[in-house]
N, C-alpha and C. Protein backbone atom coordinates (compact mmCIF):
# COMPACT_ATOMS: atom_id res chain seq x y z
N MET A 1 0.86 -1.18 0.00
CA MET A 1 0.00 0.00 0.00
C MET A 1 0.90 1.24 0.00
N ARG A 2 0.61 2.14 -0.93
CA ARG A 2 1.36 3.39 -1.03
C ARG A 2 0.39 4.56 -0.96
N ILE A 3 0.93 5.74 -0.68
CA ILE A 3 0.12 6.96 -0.61
C ILE A 3 0.49 7.86 -1.77
N PHE A 4 -0.53 8.33 -2.49
CA PHE A 4 -0.35 9.25 -3.61
C PHE A 4 -1.11 10.54 -3.32
N THR A 5 -0.52 11.68 -3.63
CA THR A 5 -1.15 12.98 -3.42
C THR A 5 -1.38 13.64 -4.78
N PHE A 6 -2.54 14.29 -4.90
CA PHE A 6 -2.95 14.91 -6.17
C PHE A 6 -3.44 16.33 -5.93
N ASP A 7 -3.48 17.13 -7.02
CA ASP A 7 -3.96 18.50 -6.95
C ASP A 7 -5.48 18.59 -6.86
N ASN A 8 -6.20 17.65 -7.49
CA ASN A 8 -7.66 17.64 -7.42
C ASN A 8 -8.17 16.22 -7.69
N THR A 9 -9.43 15.98 -7.36
CA THR A 9 -9.97 14.62 -7.47
C THR A 9 -10.15 14.18 -8.92
N SER A 10 -10.38 15.12 -9.83
CA SER A 10 -10.50 14.74 -11.24
C SER A 10 -9.17 14.20 -11.76
N GLU A 11 -8.09 14.89 -11.42
CA GLU A 11 -6.76 14.41 -11.81
C GLU A 11 -6.48 13.05 -11.18
N ALA A 12 -6.81 12.92 -9.90
CA ALA A 12 -6.57 11.66 -9.20
C ALA A 12 -7.35 10.52 -9.86
N TYR A 13 -8.62 10.77 -10.16
CA TYR A 13 -9.44 9.73 -10.80
C TYR A 13 -8.81 9.30 -12.12
N ASP A 14 -8.43 10.28 -12.93
CA ASP A 14 -7.80 9.97 -14.22
C ASP A 14 -6.52 9.16 -14.03
N GLU A 15 -5.72 9.54 -13.05
CA GLU A 15 -4.46 8.84 -12.81
C GLU A 15 -4.69 7.39 -12.38
N THR A 16 -5.76 7.15 -11.61
CA THR A 16 -6.03 5.77 -11.18
C THR A 16 -6.39 4.88 -12.38
N GLN A 17 -6.85 5.49 -13.45
CA GLN A 17 -7.24 4.73 -14.63
C GLN A 17 -6.08 4.50 -15.60
N THR A 18 -5.05 5.34 -15.51
CA THR A 18 -3.99 5.28 -16.51
C THR A 18 -2.58 5.04 -15.96
N ASN A 19 -2.36 5.33 -14.69
CA ASN A 19 -1.03 5.22 -14.10
C ASN A 19 -0.86 3.83 -13.47
N GLU A 20 -0.02 3.02 -14.07
CA GLU A 20 0.17 1.64 -13.60
C GLU A 20 0.90 1.56 -12.26
N ASP A 21 1.45 2.69 -11.78
CA ASP A 21 2.09 2.71 -10.47
C ASP A 21 1.07 2.70 -9.34
N ILE A 22 -0.17 3.10 -9.63
CA ILE A 22 -1.22 3.13 -8.61
C ILE A 22 -1.94 1.78 -8.63
N SER A 23 -1.96 1.13 -7.48
CA SER A 23 -2.50 -0.22 -7.38
C SER A 23 -3.73 -0.29 -6.47
N ASP A 24 -4.45 -1.35 -6.61
CA ASP A 24 -5.60 -1.66 -5.78
C ASP A 24 -5.21 -1.51 -4.31
N GLY A 25 -5.98 -0.72 -3.55
CA GLY A 25 -5.72 -0.53 -2.13
C GLY A 25 -4.81 0.64 -1.80
N ASP A 26 -4.21 1.27 -2.80
CA ASP A 26 -3.35 2.44 -2.52
C ASP A 26 -4.19 3.61 -2.01
N ILE A 27 -3.58 4.45 -1.20
CA ILE A 27 -4.24 5.60 -0.59
C ILE A 27 -4.12 6.81 -1.51
N LEU A 28 -5.22 7.55 -1.64
CA LEU A 28 -5.29 8.72 -2.52
C LEU A 28 -5.63 9.94 -1.67
N VAL A 29 -4.80 10.97 -1.73
CA VAL A 29 -4.98 12.16 -0.90
C VAL A 29 -5.08 13.39 -1.80
N VAL A 30 -6.12 14.20 -1.56
CA VAL A 30 -6.32 15.45 -2.32
C VAL A 30 -6.55 16.57 -1.30
N PRO A 31 -5.45 17.16 -0.79
CA PRO A 31 -5.58 18.18 0.25
C PRO A 31 -6.45 19.37 -0.14
N SER A 32 -6.39 19.79 -1.39
CA SER A 32 -7.14 20.98 -1.82
C SER A 32 -8.66 20.78 -1.72
N GLU A 33 -9.12 19.52 -1.69
CA GLU A 33 -10.55 19.23 -1.62
C GLU A 33 -10.94 18.51 -0.34
N ASN A 34 -9.99 18.38 0.60
CA ASN A 34 -10.24 17.68 1.88
C ASN A 34 -10.71 16.25 1.65
N VAL A 35 -10.08 15.57 0.69
CA VAL A 35 -10.48 14.21 0.32
C VAL A 35 -9.34 13.24 0.57
N VAL A 36 -9.68 12.12 1.20
CA VAL A 36 -8.76 10.99 1.33
C VAL A 36 -9.57 9.74 1.01
N GLY A 37 -8.95 8.86 0.25
CA GLY A 37 -9.62 7.61 -0.10
C GLY A 37 -8.61 6.56 -0.49
N TYR A 38 -9.10 5.55 -1.21
CA TYR A 38 -8.24 4.47 -1.66
C TYR A 38 -8.84 3.87 -2.92
N LEU A 39 -8.04 3.09 -3.61
CA LEU A 39 -8.48 2.51 -4.87
C LEU A 39 -9.07 1.13 -4.65
N VAL A 40 -10.31 0.94 -5.11
CA VAL A 40 -10.98 -0.36 -5.09
C VAL A 40 -11.11 -0.81 -6.54
N GLU A 41 -10.23 -1.73 -6.91
CA GLU A 41 -10.15 -2.19 -8.30
C GLU A 41 -9.93 -0.98 -9.20
N ALA A 42 -10.94 -0.54 -9.94
CA ALA A 42 -10.77 0.62 -10.84
C ALA A 42 -11.42 1.89 -10.30
N TRP A 43 -11.97 1.85 -9.07
CA TRP A 43 -12.73 2.98 -8.56
C TRP A 43 -12.07 3.61 -7.35
N PRO A 44 -11.81 4.91 -7.42
CA PRO A 44 -11.34 5.62 -6.23
C PRO A 44 -12.54 5.92 -5.32
N VAL A 45 -12.42 5.54 -4.06
CA VAL A 45 -13.50 5.75 -3.10
C VAL A 45 -12.98 6.57 -1.93
N THR A 46 -13.86 7.34 -1.31
CA THR A 46 -13.45 8.20 -0.19
C THR A 46 -13.88 7.65 1.15
N VAL A 47 -13.15 8.07 2.16
CA VAL A 47 -13.55 7.85 3.55
C VAL A 47 -13.95 9.17 4.18
N THR A 48 -13.77 10.26 3.44
CA THR A 48 -14.07 11.59 3.95
C THR A 48 -15.46 12.05 3.52
N ARG A 49 -15.97 13.02 4.25
CA ARG A 49 -17.27 13.60 3.92
C ARG A 49 -17.25 14.21 2.53
N GLU A 50 -16.17 14.91 2.21
CA GLU A 50 -16.02 15.49 0.88
C GLU A 50 -15.60 14.39 -0.09
N ARG A 51 -16.18 14.38 -1.29
CA ARG A 51 -15.87 13.33 -2.25
C ARG A 51 -15.23 13.83 -3.53
N GLY A 52 -15.57 15.02 -3.97
CA GLY A 52 -15.08 15.47 -5.26
C GLY A 52 -15.56 14.51 -6.35
N ALA A 53 -14.65 14.06 -7.20
CA ALA A 53 -14.98 13.16 -8.31
C ALA A 53 -14.98 11.68 -7.90
N PHE A 54 -14.64 11.39 -6.64
CA PHE A 54 -14.56 10.00 -6.18
C PHE A 54 -15.94 9.45 -5.84
N HIS A 55 -15.98 8.15 -5.60
CA HIS A 55 -17.19 7.46 -5.14
C HIS A 55 -17.12 7.35 -3.61
N SER A 56 -18.27 7.12 -3.00
CA SER A 56 -18.29 6.82 -1.57
C SER A 56 -17.93 5.35 -1.37
N TRP A 57 -17.16 5.06 -0.34
CA TRP A 57 -16.82 3.66 -0.06
C TRP A 57 -18.07 2.85 0.22
N LYS A 58 -19.14 3.52 0.66
CA LYS A 58 -20.39 2.82 0.98
C LYS A 58 -21.02 2.18 -0.25
N GLU A 59 -20.73 2.72 -1.44
CA GLU A 59 -21.27 2.15 -2.67
C GLU A 59 -20.76 0.73 -2.91
N PHE A 60 -19.63 0.41 -2.30
CA PHE A 60 -19.02 -0.90 -2.50
C PHE A 60 -19.23 -1.82 -1.31
N GLY A 61 -19.85 -1.28 -0.26
CA GLY A 61 -20.12 -2.08 0.93
C GLY A 61 -18.84 -2.37 1.70
N PRO A 62 -18.98 -2.80 2.94
CA PRO A 62 -17.80 -3.15 3.72
C PRO A 62 -17.15 -4.39 3.11
N ASP A 63 -15.85 -4.35 2.95
CA ASP A 63 -15.14 -5.44 2.31
C ASP A 63 -13.88 -5.72 3.11
N GLU A 64 -13.75 -6.92 3.63
CA GLU A 64 -12.59 -7.27 4.44
C GLU A 64 -11.28 -7.12 3.68
N GLU A 65 -11.32 -7.31 2.37
CA GLU A 65 -10.11 -7.20 1.55
C GLU A 65 -9.50 -5.81 1.64
N TYR A 66 -10.33 -4.79 1.85
CA TYR A 66 -9.86 -3.41 1.88
C TYR A 66 -9.85 -2.82 3.29
N ALA A 67 -9.99 -3.64 4.31
CA ALA A 67 -10.05 -3.14 5.69
C ALA A 67 -8.80 -2.36 6.05
N GLY A 68 -7.63 -2.83 5.65
CA GLY A 68 -6.39 -2.13 5.95
C GLY A 68 -6.30 -0.80 5.25
N ALA A 69 -6.65 -0.76 3.97
CA ALA A 69 -6.63 0.49 3.20
C ALA A 69 -7.63 1.47 3.79
N HIS A 70 -8.80 0.98 4.15
CA HIS A 70 -9.84 1.84 4.72
C HIS A 70 -9.34 2.48 6.03
N ALA A 71 -8.80 1.65 6.90
CA ALA A 71 -8.31 2.15 8.20
C ALA A 71 -7.16 3.14 8.01
N THR A 72 -6.26 2.84 7.10
CA THR A 72 -5.13 3.75 6.84
C THR A 72 -5.63 5.08 6.27
N ALA A 73 -6.56 5.02 5.33
CA ALA A 73 -7.13 6.24 4.76
C ALA A 73 -7.81 7.08 5.84
N GLN A 74 -8.52 6.43 6.75
CA GLN A 74 -9.16 7.15 7.85
C GLN A 74 -8.10 7.82 8.73
N ASP A 75 -7.03 7.11 9.02
CA ASP A 75 -5.95 7.69 9.84
C ASP A 75 -5.34 8.91 9.16
N VAL A 76 -5.08 8.81 7.85
CA VAL A 76 -4.52 9.94 7.10
C VAL A 76 -5.48 11.12 7.15
N ALA A 77 -6.78 10.86 6.96
CA ALA A 77 -7.78 11.92 6.99
C ALA A 77 -7.83 12.59 8.37
N ARG A 78 -7.78 11.80 9.41
CA ARG A 78 -7.80 12.36 10.77
C ARG A 78 -6.58 13.25 11.01
N ILE A 79 -5.41 12.75 10.62
CA ILE A 79 -4.18 13.52 10.80
C ILE A 79 -4.25 14.85 10.04
N ALA A 80 -4.85 14.80 8.85
CA ALA A 80 -4.98 16.02 8.02
C ALA A 80 -6.07 16.95 8.53
N GLY A 81 -6.91 16.46 9.45
CA GLY A 81 -7.99 17.28 9.99
C GLY A 81 -9.24 17.31 9.12
N PHE A 82 -9.39 16.33 8.23
CA PHE A 82 -10.56 16.25 7.36
C PHE A 82 -11.68 15.50 8.08
N HIS A 83 -12.92 15.81 7.72
CA HIS A 83 -14.08 15.13 8.31
C HIS A 83 -14.32 13.80 7.63
N LEU A 84 -14.51 12.76 8.45
CA LEU A 84 -14.80 11.43 7.92
C LEU A 84 -16.27 11.31 7.54
N GLU A 85 -16.52 10.49 6.53
CA GLU A 85 -17.90 10.21 6.15
C GLU A 85 -18.55 9.42 7.28
N GLU A 86 -19.75 9.81 7.66
CA GLU A 86 -20.43 9.14 8.75
C GLU A 86 -20.98 7.79 8.30
N VAL A 87 -20.91 6.83 9.19
CA VAL A 87 -21.48 5.51 8.92
C VAL A 87 -22.90 5.50 9.49
N ARG A 88 -23.85 5.13 8.64
CA ARG A 88 -25.24 5.08 9.11
C ARG A 88 -25.82 3.73 8.88
């Protein structure tokens, strides 16, 4: 698992589709939009309240395969002072 930082979520989304260095489960950080997430197969998902161009992790349901990425993304978001998406 690696952490990648981007200028905006549109750029990040595009990079997840074309940059072979970004892998399933990698952490995606977009400070300018208060977004932190991770890659689920081909979809960037957020753990933060703000989403930008990303999907909500809830769209994919809880998945044990991504538990580590999810927890790490939440930790990064907390450290950055971003609001986490509420679980309902």
